């Protein structure tokens, strides 16, 4: 079963320390998910990555970075942060 997903990244600024995770890291994490779930028949397909730079949101999360991987069924279901 193929699951289509989008990744939403909230950053403080354009630096790695500010949560700006490179696309290569997101792609690598999707590979980890696919490798880990391969035996279950599930697979994950990344179709979109959005980025929101908002220092206030980032600081209030209490994390080094914030990434949401959410199912994306159709463009009608797409939400922005």
C-alpha atoms as a PDB file:
ATOM      1  CA  UNK A   1       0.000   0.000   0.000  1.00  0.00           C
ATOM      2  CA  UNK A   2       1.490   3.304  -1.112  1.00  0.00           C
ATOM      3  CA  UNK A   3       1.026   6.274   1.237  1.00  0.00           C
ATOM      4  CA  UNK A   4       1.497   9.707  -0.298  1.00  0.00           C
ATOM      5  CA  UNK A   5       2.892  12.343   2.068  1.00  0.00           C
ATOM      6  CA  UNK A   6       4.009  15.931   2.312  1.00  0.00           C
ATOM      7  CA  UNK A   7       6.627  17.228   4.720  1.00  0.00           C
ATOM      8  CA  UNK A   8       6.154  20.577   6.447  1.00  0.00           C
ATOM      9  CA  UNK A   9       9.258  22.137   8.001  1.00  0.00           C
ATOM     10  CA  UNK A  10       9.036  25.050  10.451  1.00  0.00           C
ATOM     11  CA  UNK A  11      12.303  26.955  10.823  1.00  0.00           C
ATOM     12  CA  UNK A  12      13.662  29.893  12.778  1.00  0.00           C
ATOM     13  CA  UNK A  13      15.986  31.027   9.993  1.00  0.00           C
ATOM     14  CA  UNK A  14      17.826  29.680   6.969  1.00  0.00           C
ATOM     15  CA  UNK A  15      20.573  27.930   8.957  1.00  0.00           C
ATOM     16  CA  UNK A  16      20.766  24.274   9.930  1.00  0.00           C
ATOM     17  CA  UNK A  17      20.856  25.389  13.575  1.00  0.00           C
ATOM     18  CA  UNK A  18      17.656  27.314  12.894  1.00  0.00           C
ATOM     19  CA  UNK A  19      15.921  24.129  11.783  1.00  0.00           C
ATOM     20  CA  UNK A  20      16.423  24.476   8.038  1.00  0.00           C
ATOM     21  CA  UNK A  21      16.709  20.761   7.309  1.00  0.00           C
ATOM     22  CA  UNK A  22      18.111  20.054   3.829  1.00  0.00           C
ATOM     23  CA  UNK A  23      16.073  18.103   1.299  1.00  0.00           C
ATOM     24  CA  UNK A  24      18.743  15.395   1.388  1.00  0.00           C
ATOM     25  CA  UNK A  25      17.988  14.746   5.066  1.00  0.00           C
ATOM     26  CA  UNK A  26      14.252  14.540   4.393  1.00  0.00           C
ATOM     27  CA  UNK A  27      14.852  12.130   1.506  1.00  0.00           C
ATOM     28  CA  UNK A  28      17.121  10.007   3.707  1.00  0.00           C
ATOM     29  CA  UNK A  29      14.451   9.845   6.416  1.00  0.00           C
ATOM     30  CA  UNK A  30      11.833   8.749   3.890  1.00  0.00           C
ATOM     31  CA  UNK A  31      14.212   5.953   2.872  1.00  0.00           C
ATOM     32  CA  UNK A  32      14.494   4.902   6.536  1.00  0.00           C
ATOM     33  CA  UNK A  33      10.693   4.787   6.784  1.00  0.00           C
ATOM     34  CA  UNK A  34      10.440   2.721   3.606  1.00  0.00           C
ATOM     35  CA  UNK A  35      13.178   0.336   4.733  1.00  0.00           C
ATOM     36  CA  UNK A  36      11.602  -0.094   8.186  1.00  0.00           C
ATOM     37  CA  UNK A  37       8.082  -0.687   6.854  1.00  0.00           C
ATOM     38  CA  UNK A  38       9.017  -2.784   3.815  1.00  0.00           C
ATOM     39  CA  UNK A  39       8.012  -6.046   5.508  1.00  0.00           C
ATOM     40  CA  UNK A  40       4.529  -4.692   6.258  1.00  0.00           C
ATOM     41  CA  UNK A  41       3.757  -3.843   2.631  1.00  0.00           C
ATOM     42  CA  UNK A  42       3.551  -0.120   3.382  1.00  0.00           C
ATOM     43  CA  UNK A  43       5.587   2.374   1.415  1.00  0.00           C
ATOM     44  CA  UNK A  44       5.851   6.140   1.673  1.00  0.00           C
ATOM     45  CA  UNK A  45       6.026   8.515  -1.273  1.00  0.00           C
ATOM     46  CA  UNK A  46       7.139  12.093  -0.663  1.00  0.00           C
ATOM     47  CA  UNK A  47       5.427  14.390  -3.140  1.00  0.00           C
ATOM     48  CA  UNK A  48       5.918  17.803  -1.569  1.00  0.00           C
ATOM     49  CA  UNK A  49       7.992  19.674   0.996  1.00  0.00           C
ATOM     50  CA  UNK A  50       6.869  23.046   2.310  1.00  0.00           C
ATOM     51  CA  UNK A  51       8.894  25.370   4.500  1.00  0.00           C
ATOM     52  CA  UNK A  52       7.684  28.061   6.860  1.00  0.00           C
ATOM     53  CA  UNK A  53      10.156  30.443   8.442  1.00  0.00           C
ATOM     54  CA  UNK A  54       8.659  31.809  11.629  1.00  0.00           C
ATOM     55  CA  UNK A  55      11.006  32.369  14.592  1.00  0.00           C
ATOM     56  CA  UNK A  56       8.147  32.691  17.077  1.00  0.00           C
ATOM     57  CA  UNK A  57       6.569  29.364  16.105  1.00  0.00           C
ATOM     58  CA  UNK A  58       9.958  27.679  16.102  1.00  0.00           C
ATOM     59  CA  UNK A  59      10.943  29.040  19.526  1.00  0.00           C
ATOM     60  CA  UNK A  60       7.618  28.047  21.075  1.00  0.00           C
ATOM     61  CA  UNK A  61       7.996  24.453  19.894  1.00  0.00           C
ATOM     62  CA  UNK A  62      10.888  23.855  22.273  1.00  0.00           C
ATOM     63  CA  UNK A  63      12.770  21.720  19.734  1.00  0.00           C
ATOM     64  CA  UNK A  64      15.803  22.098  17.518  1.00  0.00           C
ATOM     65  CA  UNK A  65      13.605  21.700  14.468  1.00  0.00           C
ATOM     66  CA  UNK A  66      10.068  20.760  13.682  1.00  0.00           C
ATOM     67  CA  UNK A  67       8.978  18.533  10.852  1.00  0.00           C
ATOM     68  CA  UNK A  68       5.496  17.199  10.205  1.00  0.00           C
ATOM     69  CA  UNK A  69       5.012  14.313   7.817  1.00  0.00           C
ATOM     70  CA  UNK A  70       1.373  14.221   6.872  1.00  0.00           C
ATOM     71  CA  UNK A  71      -0.701  12.191   4.451  1.00  0.00           C
ATOM     72  CA  UNK A  72      -1.600  14.122   1.343  1.00  0.00           C
ATOM     73  CA  UNK A  73      -4.527  12.671  -0.554  1.00  0.00           C
ATOM     74  CA  UNK A  74      -5.391  15.448  -3.000  1.00  0.00           C
ATOM     75  CA  UNK A  75      -4.655  19.129  -3.353  1.00  0.00           C
ATOM     76  CA  UNK A  76      -8.002  19.786  -1.643  1.00  0.00           C
ATOM     77  CA  UNK A  77      -6.598  18.193   1.511  1.00  0.00           C
ATOM     78  CA  UNK A  78      -3.399  20.237   1.469  1.00  0.00           C
ATOM     79  CA  UNK A  79      -2.978  22.520   4.477  1.00  0.00           C
ATOM     80  CA  UNK A  80      -0.451  25.238   5.042  1.00  0.00           C
ATOM     81  CA  UNK A  81       1.004  26.060   8.413  1.00  0.00           C
END
